[in-house]
């Protein structure tokens, strides 16, 4: 009996040890999955965009539906037709951290210029659907490749941490080309909007106003919203992603705060926000407006979704931008004449 008891105890210990080993191994595998997914997320939206298509495919609405594609088709056709008729000049500059940036300049020789800052994963000349409209107004159009996009060098999209100085260098290039009496609109979409708002702290006086489409207020909060709404994920992924972002690219997500930037800016701001946006929380627009130190107005579009604002509501958006042009460009020109 005693021998059987000892043998039973040994078997129980062996089972316990095996269960412990399996448990540790399972935790290890889960940990690897956490790290790999978090790293993939950071690389897709901040780093070198490796695997961005796979990440987008897991998003709710991350891949454009057939209906969305139809909405965009008319805009894309108009834009493609405009590009066929107008040849942009490739322009470059070198940043203080020795990054070569590239962009396209469509020159009409006038004093008014719009600088368009594209969204994540895009590039100069790809999808600025507003271009034909601005061009008809007589505006020069500069479309830079954000760093780590298109023909620009760089290894990450920092939502303004590094791009803010890039933007102001582009603005200085415009001022040097068209003169100190030039007037500039900075128009940015999400990543580009973040870069514009971060840059606005040190804008040259020639910038009349900023148009920010679907901007984020704080990068960490924006990532948390996206993880919850698009990936149904838990905060642990975000914590690891933030650690990896700092380790790989030198900044924490929480430190990228557009509200802090606009508090220090006196440049008027028009925010375009879709109230049904599940990628960027519409409350970001409200937070930025509350923090702004200048005239800041929101065009909130009731059925607006991410990436489709202009395609579905171009007339409403044009009217809002025209009001800003009338107030901050046309009125200023009349004051100078007087």
C-alpha atoms as a PDB file:
ATOM      1  CA  UNK A   1       0.000   0.000   0.000  1.00  0.00           C
ATOM      2  CA  UNK A   2       2.785   2.378   0.919  1.00  0.00           C
ATOM      3  CA  UNK A   3       4.544   1.732  -2.399  1.00  0.00           C
ATOM      4  CA  UNK A   4       1.361   2.420  -4.333  1.00  0.00           C
ATOM      5  CA  UNK A   5       0.888   5.701  -2.439  1.00  0.00           C
ATOM      6  CA  UNK A   6       4.439   6.805  -3.213  1.00  0.00           C
ATOM      7  CA  UNK A   7       3.978   5.895  -6.888  1.00  0.00           C
ATOM      8  CA  UNK A   8       0.698   7.824  -7.007  1.00  0.00           C
ATOM      9  CA  UNK A   9       2.387  10.874  -5.479  1.00  0.00           C
ATOM     10  CA  UNK A  10       5.188  10.641  -8.056  1.00  0.00           C
ATOM     11  CA  UNK A  11       2.659  10.457 -10.868  1.00  0.00           C
ATOM     12  CA  UNK A  12       0.834  13.485  -9.520  1.00  0.00           C
ATOM     13  CA  UNK A  13       4.119  15.416  -9.297  1.00  0.00           C
ATOM     14  CA  UNK A  14       4.964  14.446 -12.876  1.00  0.00           C
ATOM     15  CA  UNK A  15       1.536  15.555 -14.080  1.00  0.00           C
ATOM     16  CA  UNK A  16       1.906  18.797 -12.129  1.00  0.00           C
ATOM     17  CA  UNK A  17       5.347  19.443 -13.589  1.00  0.00           C
ATOM     18  CA  UNK A  18       4.101  18.723 -17.112  1.00  0.00           C
ATOM     19  CA  UNK A  19       1.127  21.024 -16.566  1.00  0.00           C
ATOM     20  CA  UNK A  20       3.501  23.742 -15.330  1.00  0.00           C
ATOM     21  CA  UNK A  21       5.751  23.321 -18.382  1.00  0.00           C
ATOM     22  CA  UNK A  22       2.771  23.402 -20.744  1.00  0.00           C
ATOM     23  CA  UNK A  23       1.393  26.470 -18.944  1.00  0.00           C
ATOM     24  CA  UNK A  24       4.705  28.333 -19.139  1.00  0.00           C
ATOM     25  CA  UNK A  25       5.052  27.405 -22.809  1.00  0.00           C
ATOM     26  CA  UNK A  26       1.497  28.598 -23.516  1.00  0.00           C
ATOM     27  CA  UNK A  27       2.182  31.899 -21.761  1.00  0.00           C
ATOM     28  CA  UNK A  28       5.392  32.200 -23.766  1.00  0.00           C
ATOM     29  CA  UNK A  29       3.500  31.642 -27.034  1.00  0.00           C
ATOM     30  CA  UNK A  30       0.798  34.125 -26.064  1.00  0.00           C
ATOM     31  CA  UNK A  31       3.500  36.622 -25.157  1.00  0.00           C
ATOM     32  CA  UNK A  32       5.120  36.180 -28.562  1.00  0.00           C
ATOM     33  CA  UNK A  33       1.739  36.751 -30.214  1.00  0.00           C
ATOM     34  CA  UNK A  34       1.219  39.912 -28.157  1.00  0.00           C
ATOM     35  CA  UNK A  35       4.645  41.261 -29.094  1.00  0.00           C
ATOM     36  CA  UNK A  36       4.388  40.272 -32.753  1.00  0.00           C
ATOM     37  CA  UNK A  37       0.939  41.783 -33.191  1.00  0.00           C
ATOM     38  CA  UNK A  38       1.940  44.969 -31.343  1.00  0.00           C
ATOM     39  CA  UNK A  39       5.117  45.245 -33.400  1.00  0.00           C
ATOM     40  CA  UNK A  40       3.160  44.619 -36.617  1.00  0.00           C
ATOM     41  CA  UNK A  41       0.684  47.325 -35.667  1.00  0.00           C
ATOM     42  CA  UNK A  42       3.449  49.855 -34.968  1.00  0.00           C
ATOM     43  CA  UNK A  43       5.315  48.936 -38.153  1.00  0.00           C
ATOM     44  CA  UNK A  44       2.119  49.180 -40.198  1.00  0.00           C
ATOM     45  CA  UNK A  45       1.052  52.623 -39.005  1.00  0.00           C
ATOM     46  CA  UNK A  46       4.296  54.223 -37.824  1.00  0.00           C
ATOM     47  CA  UNK A  47       7.252  52.251 -39.164  1.00  0.00           C
ATOM     48  CA  UNK A  48       8.066  50.930 -42.590  1.00  0.00           C
ATOM     49  CA  UNK A  49       4.482  49.789 -43.374  1.00  0.00           C
ATOM     50  CA  UNK A  50       5.564  46.160 -43.618  1.00  0.00           C
ATOM     51  CA  UNK A  51       2.383  44.124 -43.591  1.00  0.00           C
ATOM     52  CA  UNK A  52       0.068  47.137 -43.675  1.00  0.00           C
ATOM     53  CA  UNK A  53      -2.272  45.394 -46.138  1.00  0.00           C
ATOM     54  CA  UNK A  54      -2.608  42.429 -43.779  1.00  0.00           C
ATOM     55  CA  UNK A  55      -3.278  44.728 -40.837  1.00  0.00           C
ATOM     56  CA  UNK A  56      -5.844  46.746 -42.790  1.00  0.00           C
ATOM     57  CA  UNK A  57      -7.578  43.526 -43.773  1.00  0.00           C
ATOM     58  CA  UNK A  58      -8.299  42.829 -40.083  1.00  0.00           C
ATOM     59  CA  UNK A  59      -9.863  46.253 -39.565  1.00  0.00           C
ATOM     60  CA  UNK A  60     -13.624  46.740 -39.525  1.00  0.00           C
ATOM     61  CA  UNK A  61     -13.980  48.859 -42.627  1.00  0.00           C
ATOM     62  CA  UNK A  62     -10.224  49.048 -43.110  1.00  0.00           C
ATOM     63  CA  UNK A  63     -10.562  47.736 -46.653  1.00  0.00           C
ATOM     64  CA  UNK A  64     -12.721  49.927 -48.879  1.00  0.00           C
ATOM     65  CA  UNK A  65     -16.105  48.426 -49.674  1.00  0.00           C
ATOM     66  CA  UNK A  66     -17.492  48.384 -53.195  1.00  0.00           C
ATOM     67  CA  UNK A  67     -19.805  51.246 -52.240  1.00  0.00           C
ATOM     68  CA  UNK A  68     -16.867  53.277 -50.924  1.00  0.00           C
ATOM     69  CA  UNK A  69     -14.888  52.597 -54.073  1.00  0.00           C
ATOM     70  CA  UNK A  70     -17.788  53.879 -56.179  1.00  0.00           C
ATOM     71  CA  UNK A  71     -17.939  57.043 -54.082  1.00  0.00           C
ATOM     72  CA  UNK A  72     -14.240  57.649 -54.680  1.00  0.00           C
ATOM     73  CA  UNK A  73     -14.249  56.759 -58.367  1.00  0.00           C
ATOM     74  CA  UNK A  74     -15.620  60.073 -59.616  1.00  0.00           C
ATOM     75  CA  UNK A  75     -13.089  62.009 -57.514  1.00  0.00           C
ATOM     76  CA  UNK A  76     -10.258  59.784 -58.681  1.00  0.00           C
ATOM     77  CA  UNK A  77     -11.252  60.170 -62.329  1.00  0.00           C
ATOM     78  CA  UNK A  78     -11.377  63.966 -62.068  1.00  0.00           C
ATOM     79  CA  UNK A  79      -8.053  64.010 -60.269  1.00  0.00           C
ATOM     80  CA  UNK A  80      -6.388  61.667 -62.779  1.00  0.00           C
ATOM     81  CA  UNK A  81      -7.667  63.815 -65.663  1.00  0.00           C
ATOM     82  CA  UNK A  82      -6.234  66.901 -63.984  1.00  0.00           C
ATOM     83  CA  UNK A  83      -2.845  65.225 -63.493  1.00  0.00           C
ATOM     84  CA  UNK A  84      -2.725  64.243 -67.164  1.00  0.00           C
ATOM     85  CA  UNK A  85      -3.048  67.914 -68.090  1.00  0.00           C
ATOM     86  CA  UNK A  86      -0.591  69.300 -65.543  1.00  0.00           C
ATOM     87  CA  UNK A  87       3.012  68.294 -64.983  1.00  0.00           C
ATOM     88  CA  UNK A  88       4.391  68.712 -61.482  1.00  0.00           C
ATOM     89  CA  UNK A  89       8.015  69.654 -60.892  1.00  0.00           C
ATOM     90  CA  UNK A  90       9.961  67.366 -58.577  1.00  0.00           C
ATOM     91  CA  UNK A  91      11.501  69.443 -55.756  1.00  0.00           C
ATOM     92  CA  UNK A  92      13.726  68.280 -52.891  1.00  0.00           C
ATOM     93  CA  UNK A  93      15.211  69.513 -49.648  1.00  0.00           C
ATOM     94  CA  UNK A  94      17.568  68.208 -46.961  1.00  0.00           C
ATOM     95  CA  UNK A  95      16.457  68.199 -43.334  1.00  0.00           C
ATOM     96  CA  UNK A  96      18.615  69.050 -40.332  1.00  0.00           C
ATOM     97  CA  UNK A  97      18.758  65.341 -39.428  1.00  0.00           C
ATOM     98  CA  UNK A  98      20.091  64.637 -42.931  1.00  0.00           C
ATOM     99  CA  UNK A  99      16.910  63.175 -44.452  1.00  0.00           C
ATOM    100  CA  UNK A 100      16.283  63.889 -48.119  1.00  0.00           C
ATOM    101  CA  UNK A 101      12.672  64.889 -48.732  1.00  0.00           C
ATOM    102  CA  UNK A 102      10.928  65.030 -52.077  1.00  0.00           C
ATOM    103  CA  UNK A 103       7.708  66.553 -53.361  1.00  0.00           C
ATOM    104  CA  UNK A 104       5.757  67.729 -56.390  1.00  0.00           C
ATOM    105  CA  UNK A 105       5.199  71.425 -57.105  1.00  0.00           C
ATOM    106  CA  UNK A 106       2.475  72.547 -59.505  1.00  0.00           C
ATOM    107  CA  UNK A 107       3.392  76.146 -60.247  1.00  0.00           C
ATOM    108  CA  UNK A 108       1.041  78.843 -61.542  1.00  0.00           C
ATOM    109  CA  UNK A 109       3.329  81.711 -60.570  1.00  0.00           C
ATOM    110  CA  UNK A 110       0.812  83.319 -58.215  1.00  0.00           C
ATOM    111  CA  UNK A 111       1.164  84.393 -54.618  1.00  0.00           C
ATOM    112  CA  UNK A 112      -1.241  81.837 -53.123  1.00  0.00           C
ATOM    113  CA  UNK A 113      -0.134  78.268 -52.474  1.00  0.00           C
ATOM    114  CA  UNK A 114      -1.769  75.244 -50.882  1.00  0.00           C
ATOM    115  CA  UNK A 115       0.561  72.712 -49.273  1.00  0.00           C
ATOM    116  CA  UNK A 116      -1.050  69.276 -49.071  1.00  0.00           C
ATOM    117  CA  UNK A 117       0.208  66.770 -46.505  1.00  0.00           C
ATOM    118  CA  UNK A 118      -1.025  63.262 -47.295  1.00  0.00           C
ATOM    119  CA  UNK A 119      -2.199  60.449 -45.031  1.00  0.00           C
ATOM    120  CA  UNK A 120      -0.366  57.302 -43.932  1.00  0.00           C
ATOM    121  CA  UNK A 121       0.778  55.002 -46.713  1.00  0.00           C
ATOM    122  CA  UNK A 122       0.068  57.520 -49.487  1.00  0.00           C
ATOM    123  CA  UNK A 123       2.457  59.751 -51.444  1.00  0.00           C
ATOM    124  CA  UNK A 124       2.683  63.016 -53.332  1.00  0.00           C
ATOM    125  CA  UNK A 125       0.326  63.129 -56.275  1.00  0.00           C
ATOM    126  CA  UNK A 126      -1.682  60.031 -55.348  1.00  0.00           C
ATOM    127  CA  UNK A 127      -4.974  61.219 -53.902  1.00  0.00           C
ATOM    128  CA  UNK A 128      -5.279  64.985 -53.398  1.00  0.00           C
ATOM    129  CA  UNK A 129      -8.799  65.167 -54.787  1.00  0.00           C
ATOM    130  CA  UNK A 130      -9.037  68.867 -53.903  1.00  0.00           C
ATOM    131  CA  UNK A 131      -6.247  69.728 -56.358  1.00  0.00           C
ATOM    132  CA  UNK A 132      -8.412  70.591 -59.411  1.00  0.00           C
ATOM    133  CA  UNK A 133     -10.547  72.896 -57.265  1.00  0.00           C
ATOM    134  CA  UNK A 134      -7.590  74.743 -55.739  1.00  0.00           C
ATOM    135  CA  UNK A 135      -5.952  74.927 -59.183  1.00  0.00           C
ATOM    136  CA  UNK A 136      -9.011  76.614 -60.670  1.00  0.00           C
ATOM    137  CA  UNK A 137      -8.671  79.282 -57.982  1.00  0.00           C
ATOM    138  CA  UNK A 138      -5.166  80.039 -59.275  1.00  0.00           C
ATOM    139  CA  UNK A 139      -3.286  78.419 -56.390  1.00  0.00           C
ATOM    140  CA  UNK A 140       0.131  76.861 -56.680  1.00  0.00           C
ATOM    141  CA  UNK A 141       0.064  73.364 -55.188  1.00  0.00           C
ATOM    142  CA  UNK A 142       2.918  71.715 -53.296  1.00  0.00           C
ATOM    143  CA  UNK A 143       2.507  68.033 -52.450  1.00  0.00           C
ATOM    144  CA  UNK A 144       5.432  66.788 -50.355  1.00  0.00           C
ATOM    145  CA  UNK A 145       6.126  63.127 -49.778  1.00  0.00           C
ATOM    146  CA  UNK A 146       6.065  62.839 -45.996  1.00  0.00           C
ATOM    147  CA  UNK A 147       9.231  61.269 -44.621  1.00  0.00           C
ATOM    148  CA  UNK A 148       9.295  57.497 -45.102  1.00  0.00           C
ATOM    149  CA  UNK A 149       6.794  57.853 -47.979  1.00  0.00           C
ATOM    150  CA  UNK A 150       7.093  58.066 -51.736  1.00  0.00           C
ATOM    151  CA  UNK A 151      10.509  59.373 -52.781  1.00  0.00           C
ATOM    152  CA  UNK A 152      11.319  60.840 -49.356  1.00  0.00           C
ATOM    153  CA  UNK A 153      13.797  59.136 -47.061  1.00  0.00           C
ATOM    154  CA  UNK A 154      13.166  58.250 -43.423  1.00  0.00           C
ATOM    155  CA  UNK A 155      12.169  55.221 -41.375  1.00  0.00           C
ATOM    156  CA  UNK A 156       8.929  56.187 -39.644  1.00  0.00           C
ATOM    157  CA  UNK A 157       5.799  58.306 -39.616  1.00  0.00           C
ATOM    158  CA  UNK A 158       5.853  60.113 -36.271  1.00  0.00           C
ATOM    159  CA  UNK A 159       2.677  62.189 -36.687  1.00  0.00           C
ATOM    160  CA  UNK A 160       4.582  65.418 -36.277  1.00  0.00           C
ATOM    161  CA  UNK A 161       7.420  64.551 -33.905  1.00  0.00           C
ATOM    162  CA  UNK A 162       9.869  64.647 -36.813  1.00  0.00           C
ATOM    163  CA  UNK A 163       7.585  65.935 -39.608  1.00  0.00           C
ATOM    164  CA  UNK A 164       6.806  69.284 -37.954  1.00  0.00           C
ATOM    165  CA  UNK A 165      10.222  70.675 -38.846  1.00  0.00           C
ATOM    166  CA  UNK A 166       9.943  69.093 -42.313  1.00  0.00           C
ATOM    167  CA  UNK A 167       6.680  70.967 -42.904  1.00  0.00           C
ATOM    168  CA  UNK A 168       8.191  74.284 -41.881  1.00  0.00           C
ATOM    169  CA  UNK A 169      11.138  73.713 -44.199  1.00  0.00           C
ATOM    170  CA  UNK A 170       8.696  73.170 -47.074  1.00  0.00           C
ATOM    171  CA  UNK A 171       6.890  76.365 -46.094  1.00  0.00           C
ATOM    172  CA  UNK A 172      10.183  78.247 -46.093  1.00  0.00           C
ATOM    173  CA  UNK A 173      10.862  76.920 -49.590  1.00  0.00           C
ATOM    174  CA  UNK A 174       7.505  78.357 -50.739  1.00  0.00           C
ATOM    175  CA  UNK A 175       8.234  81.713 -49.128  1.00  0.00           C
ATOM    176  CA  UNK A 176      11.633  81.893 -50.820  1.00  0.00           C
ATOM    177  CA  UNK A 177      10.153  81.004 -54.210  1.00  0.00           C
ATOM    178  CA  UNK A 178       7.083  83.239 -54.194  1.00  0.00           C
ATOM    179  CA  UNK A 179       8.188  86.027 -51.855  1.00  0.00           C
ATOM    180  CA  UNK A 180       7.468  87.266 -48.356  1.00  0.00           C
ATOM    181  CA  UNK A 181       4.050  88.503 -49.516  1.00  0.00           C
ATOM    182  CA  UNK A 182       2.929  84.986 -50.475  1.00  0.00           C
ATOM    183  CA  UNK A 183      -0.037  83.396 -48.676  1.00  0.00           C
ATOM    184  CA  UNK A 184      -0.264  79.727 -47.821  1.00  0.00           C
ATOM    185  CA  UNK A 185      -2.953  77.222 -46.862  1.00  0.00           C
ATOM    186  CA  UNK A 186      -1.679  74.052 -45.190  1.00  0.00           C
ATOM    187  CA  UNK A 187      -4.108  71.200 -45.854  1.00  0.00           C
ATOM    188  CA  UNK A 188      -3.472  67.847 -44.135  1.00  0.00           C
ATOM    189  CA  UNK A 189      -5.240  64.497 -43.894  1.00  0.00           C
ATOM    190  CA  UNK A 190      -4.907  62.521 -40.599  1.00  0.00           C
ATOM    191  CA  UNK A 191      -1.109  61.877 -40.583  1.00  0.00           C
ATOM    192  CA  UNK A 192      -0.694  65.047 -42.624  1.00  0.00           C
ATOM    193  CA  UNK A 193      -3.108  66.913 -40.357  1.00  0.00           C
ATOM    194  CA  UNK A 194      -1.093  65.859 -37.309  1.00  0.00           C
ATOM    195  CA  UNK A 195       2.133  67.039 -38.949  1.00  0.00           C
ATOM    196  CA  UNK A 196       0.482  70.354 -39.835  1.00  0.00           C
ATOM    197  CA  UNK A 197      -0.834  70.952 -36.312  1.00  0.00           C
ATOM    198  CA  UNK A 198       2.498  70.080 -34.711  1.00  0.00           C
ATOM    199  CA  UNK A 199       4.236  72.397 -37.183  1.00  0.00           C
ATOM    200  CA  UNK A 200       1.797  75.253 -36.552  1.00  0.00           C
ATOM    201  CA  UNK A 201       3.678  76.228 -33.391  1.00  0.00           C
ATOM    202  CA  UNK A 202       6.442  77.610 -35.631  1.00  0.00           C
ATOM    203  CA  UNK A 203       4.579  78.437 -38.849  1.00  0.00           C
ATOM    204  CA  UNK A 204       5.920  81.394 -40.836  1.00  0.00           C
ATOM    205  CA  UNK A 205       3.572  84.388 -40.885  1.00  0.00           C
ATOM    206  CA  UNK A 206       2.675  83.644 -44.519  1.00  0.00           C
ATOM    207  CA  UNK A 207       0.434  80.730 -43.469  1.00  0.00           C
ATOM    208  CA  UNK A 208      -3.147  82.018 -43.592  1.00  0.00           C
ATOM    209  CA  UNK A 209      -4.850  78.980 -42.068  1.00  0.00           C
ATOM    210  CA  UNK A 210      -4.769  75.196 -41.722  1.00  0.00           C
ATOM    211  CA  UNK A 211      -7.321  72.664 -42.958  1.00  0.00           C
ATOM    212  CA  UNK A 212      -7.108  69.491 -40.852  1.00  0.00           C
ATOM    213  CA  UNK A 213      -9.114  66.500 -42.084  1.00  0.00           C
ATOM    214  CA  UNK A 214      -9.827  63.753 -39.511  1.00  0.00           C
ATOM    215  CA  UNK A 215      -7.056  64.856 -37.135  1.00  0.00           C
ATOM    216  CA  UNK A 216      -6.074  63.003 -33.965  1.00  0.00           C
ATOM    217  CA  UNK A 217      -5.659  64.892 -30.692  1.00  0.00           C
ATOM    218  CA  UNK A 218      -3.235  62.495 -28.999  1.00  0.00           C
ATOM    219  CA  UNK A 219      -1.561  59.556 -30.733  1.00  0.00           C
ATOM    220  CA  UNK A 220      -1.868  57.146 -27.795  1.00  0.00           C
ATOM    221  CA  UNK A 221      -5.584  57.862 -27.352  1.00  0.00           C
ATOM    222  CA  UNK A 222      -6.116  57.590 -31.108  1.00  0.00           C
ATOM    223  CA  UNK A 223      -4.365  54.207 -31.148  1.00  0.00           C
ATOM    224  CA  UNK A 224      -6.497  53.024 -28.223  1.00  0.00           C
ATOM    225  CA  UNK A 225      -9.685  54.054 -30.066  1.00  0.00           C
ATOM    226  CA  UNK A 226      -8.590  52.268 -33.205  1.00  0.00           C
ATOM    227  CA  UNK A 227      -7.546  49.125 -31.341  1.00  0.00           C
ATOM    228  CA  UNK A 228     -10.940  48.983 -29.649  1.00  0.00           C
ATOM    229  CA  UNK A 229     -13.119  49.834 -32.652  1.00  0.00           C
ATOM    230  CA  UNK A 230     -11.150  48.285 -35.486  1.00  0.00           C
ATOM    231  CA  UNK A 231      -9.360  45.304 -33.962  1.00  0.00           C
ATOM    232  CA  UNK A 232     -11.467  44.539 -30.844  1.00  0.00           C
ATOM    233  CA  UNK A 233      -8.159  44.288 -29.035  1.00  0.00           C
ATOM    234  CA  UNK A 234      -7.107  44.728 -25.410  1.00  0.00           C
ATOM    235  CA  UNK A 235      -4.899  47.508 -23.930  1.00  0.00           C
ATOM    236  CA  UNK A 236      -1.972  45.150 -23.401  1.00  0.00           C
ATOM    237  CA  UNK A 237      -1.261  45.241 -27.138  1.00  0.00           C
ATOM    238  CA  UNK A 238      -1.066  49.024 -26.983  1.00  0.00           C
ATOM    239  CA  UNK A 239       1.270  49.041 -23.988  1.00  0.00           C
ATOM    240  CA  UNK A 240       3.691  46.761 -25.802  1.00  0.00           C
ATOM    241  CA  UNK A 241       3.290  48.784 -28.990  1.00  0.00           C
ATOM    242  CA  UNK A 242       4.127  51.994 -27.154  1.00  0.00           C
ATOM    243  CA  UNK A 243       7.229  50.380 -25.635  1.00  0.00           C
ATOM    244  CA  UNK A 244       8.319  49.120 -29.058  1.00  0.00           C
ATOM    245  CA  UNK A 245       7.633  52.511 -30.680  1.00  0.00           C
ATOM    246  CA  UNK A 246       9.898  54.241 -28.182  1.00  0.00           C
ATOM    247  CA  UNK A 247      12.591  51.584 -28.539  1.00  0.00           C
ATOM    248  CA  UNK A 248      12.515  51.543 -32.354  1.00  0.00           C
ATOM    249  CA  UNK A 249      11.674  55.147 -33.233  1.00  0.00           C
ATOM    250  CA  UNK A 250      12.521  57.251 -30.192  1.00  0.00           C
ATOM    251  CA  UNK A 251       9.159  58.550 -28.982  1.00  0.00           C
ATOM    252  CA  UNK A 252       6.186  57.490 -26.874  1.00  0.00           C
ATOM    253  CA  UNK A 253       2.716  57.665 -28.393  1.00  0.00           C
ATOM    254  CA  UNK A 254       1.386  59.816 -25.532  1.00  0.00           C
ATOM    255  CA  UNK A 255       4.022  62.464 -26.240  1.00  0.00           C
ATOM    256  CA  UNK A 256       2.487  63.148 -29.671  1.00  0.00           C
ATOM    257  CA  UNK A 257      -0.174  65.612 -28.553  1.00  0.00           C
ATOM    258  CA  UNK A 258      -1.818  67.968 -31.033  1.00  0.00           C
ATOM    259  CA  UNK A 259      -3.735  69.780 -28.276  1.00  0.00           C
ATOM    260  CA  UNK A 260      -0.477  70.968 -26.731  1.00  0.00           C
ATOM    261  CA  UNK A 261       0.632  72.211 -30.148  1.00  0.00           C
ATOM    262  CA  UNK A 262      -2.491  74.192 -31.062  1.00  0.00           C
ATOM    263  CA  UNK A 263      -2.463  75.887 -27.651  1.00  0.00           C
ATOM    264  CA  UNK A 264       0.760  77.563 -28.743  1.00  0.00           C
ATOM    265  CA  UNK A 265      -0.407  78.453 -32.267  1.00  0.00           C
ATOM    266  CA  UNK A 266      -2.195  81.599 -33.439  1.00  0.00           C
ATOM    267  CA  UNK A 267      -3.019  80.188 -36.901  1.00  0.00           C
ATOM    268  CA  UNK A 268      -6.740  79.827 -37.729  1.00  0.00           C
ATOM    269  CA  UNK A 269      -7.861  76.229 -38.087  1.00  0.00           C
ATOM    270  CA  UNK A 270     -10.688  74.513 -39.969  1.00  0.00           C
ATOM    271  CA  UNK A 271     -11.296  70.904 -38.903  1.00  0.00           C
ATOM    272  CA  UNK A 272     -13.161  68.482 -41.175  1.00  0.00           C
ATOM    273  CA  UNK A 273     -14.623  65.644 -39.126  1.00  0.00           C
ATOM    274  CA  UNK A 274     -16.864  62.695 -39.998  1.00  0.00           C
ATOM    275  CA  UNK A 275     -19.264  62.005 -37.148  1.00  0.00           C
ATOM    276  CA  UNK A 276     -19.447  58.312 -38.120  1.00  0.00           C
ATOM    277  CA  UNK A 277     -15.687  57.875 -38.314  1.00  0.00           C
ATOM    278  CA  UNK A 278     -14.656  54.610 -36.638  1.00  0.00           C
ATOM    279  CA  UNK A 279     -10.953  55.100 -37.370  1.00  0.00           C
ATOM    280  CA  UNK A 280     -10.477  58.545 -35.801  1.00  0.00           C
ATOM    281  CA  UNK A 281     -12.820  59.411 -32.926  1.00  0.00           C
ATOM    282  CA  UNK A 282     -14.809  62.563 -33.843  1.00  0.00           C
ATOM    283  CA  UNK A 283     -14.237  63.746 -30.272  1.00  0.00           C
ATOM    284  CA  UNK A 284     -10.639  64.463 -31.302  1.00  0.00           C
ATOM    285  CA  UNK A 285     -11.899  67.485 -33.234  1.00  0.00           C
ATOM    286  CA  UNK A 286     -13.732  68.771 -30.163  1.00  0.00           C
ATOM    287  CA  UNK A 287     -10.628  68.367 -27.986  1.00  0.00           C
ATOM    288  CA  UNK A 288      -8.431  70.209 -30.490  1.00  0.00           C
ATOM    289  CA  UNK A 289     -10.957  73.038 -30.809  1.00  0.00           C
ATOM    290  CA  UNK A 290     -11.148  73.409 -27.016  1.00  0.00           C
ATOM    291  CA  UNK A 291      -7.351  73.617 -26.797  1.00  0.00           C
ATOM    292  CA  UNK A 292      -6.830  75.935 -29.763  1.00  0.00           C
ATOM    293  CA  UNK A 293      -5.371  79.376 -29.137  1.00  0.00           C
ATOM    294  CA  UNK A 294      -6.788  80.734 -32.407  1.00  0.00           C
ATOM    295  CA  UNK A 295     -10.023  80.774 -34.377  1.00  0.00           C
ATOM    296  CA  UNK A 296     -10.894  77.084 -34.733  1.00  0.00           C
ATOM    297  CA  UNK A 297     -14.053  75.872 -36.439  1.00  0.00           C
ATOM    298  CA  UNK A 298     -15.330  72.334 -36.974  1.00  0.00           C
ATOM    299  CA  UNK A 299     -17.273  71.137 -39.982  1.00  0.00           C
ATOM    300  CA  UNK A 300     -18.890  68.032 -38.502  1.00  0.00           C
ATOM    301  CA  UNK A 301     -20.428  65.864 -41.224  1.00  0.00           C
ATOM    302  CA  UNK A 302     -23.245  63.737 -39.806  1.00  0.00           C
ATOM    303  CA  UNK A 303     -22.865  60.674 -42.042  1.00  0.00           C
ATOM    304  CA  UNK A 304     -19.172  61.268 -42.697  1.00  0.00           C
ATOM    305  CA  UNK A 305     -16.862  58.251 -42.602  1.00  0.00           C
ATOM    306  CA  UNK A 306     -13.089  58.038 -42.714  1.00  0.00           C
ATOM    307  CA  UNK A 307     -11.520  58.818 -46.074  1.00  0.00           C
ATOM    308  CA  UNK A 308     -14.825  59.652 -47.789  1.00  0.00           C
ATOM    309  CA  UNK A 309     -15.545  63.181 -46.591  1.00  0.00           C
ATOM    310  CA  UNK A 310     -14.674  64.988 -49.817  1.00  0.00           C
ATOM    311  CA  UNK A 311     -16.082  62.280 -52.067  1.00  0.00           C
ATOM    312  CA  UNK A 312     -19.535  62.547 -50.504  1.00  0.00           C
ATOM    313  CA  UNK A 313     -19.625  66.137 -49.230  1.00  0.00           C
ATOM    314  CA  UNK A 314     -17.416  68.190 -51.544  1.00  0.00           C
ATOM    315  CA  UNK A 315     -19.812  71.139 -51.896  1.00  0.00           C
ATOM    316  CA  UNK A 316     -20.190  71.550 -48.134  1.00  0.00           C
ATOM    317  CA  UNK A 317     -16.438  71.321 -47.609  1.00  0.00           C
ATOM    318  CA  UNK A 318     -15.658  73.789 -50.397  1.00  0.00           C
ATOM    319  CA  UNK A 319     -18.065  76.310 -48.885  1.00  0.00           C
ATOM    320  CA  UNK A 320     -16.339  76.033 -45.505  1.00  0.00           C
ATOM    321  CA  UNK A 321     -12.860  76.452 -47.002  1.00  0.00           C
ATOM    322  CA  UNK A 322     -14.124  79.386 -49.093  1.00  0.00           C
ATOM    323  CA  UNK A 323     -15.323  81.117 -45.927  1.00  0.00           C
ATOM    324  CA  UNK A 324     -11.829  80.809 -44.468  1.00  0.00           C
ATOM    325  CA  UNK A 325     -10.282  82.042 -47.716  1.00  0.00           C
ATOM    326  CA  UNK A 326     -12.605  85.047 -47.649  1.00  0.00           C
ATOM    327  CA  UNK A 327     -11.746  85.823 -44.033  1.00  0.00           C
ATOM    328  CA  UNK A 328      -8.033  85.098 -43.879  1.00  0.00           C
ATOM    329  CA  UNK A 329      -6.752  85.622 -47.422  1.00  0.00           C
ATOM    330  CA  UNK A 330      -9.090  87.927 -49.359  1.00  0.00           C
ATOM    331  CA  UNK A 331      -9.759  90.267 -46.419  1.00  0.00           C
ATOM    332  CA  UNK A 332      -6.052  90.462 -45.612  1.00  0.00           C
ATOM    333  CA  UNK A 333      -5.264  91.341 -49.230  1.00  0.00           C
ATOM    334  CA  UNK A 334      -7.828  94.159 -49.116  1.00  0.00           C
ATOM    335  CA  UNK A 335      -6.302  95.496 -45.893  1.00  0.00           C
ATOM    336  CA  UNK A 336      -2.853  95.521 -47.480  1.00  0.00           C
ATOM    337  CA  UNK A 337      -4.188  97.424 -50.522  1.00  0.00           C
ATOM    338  CA  UNK A 338      -5.865 100.011 -48.285  1.00  0.00           C
END
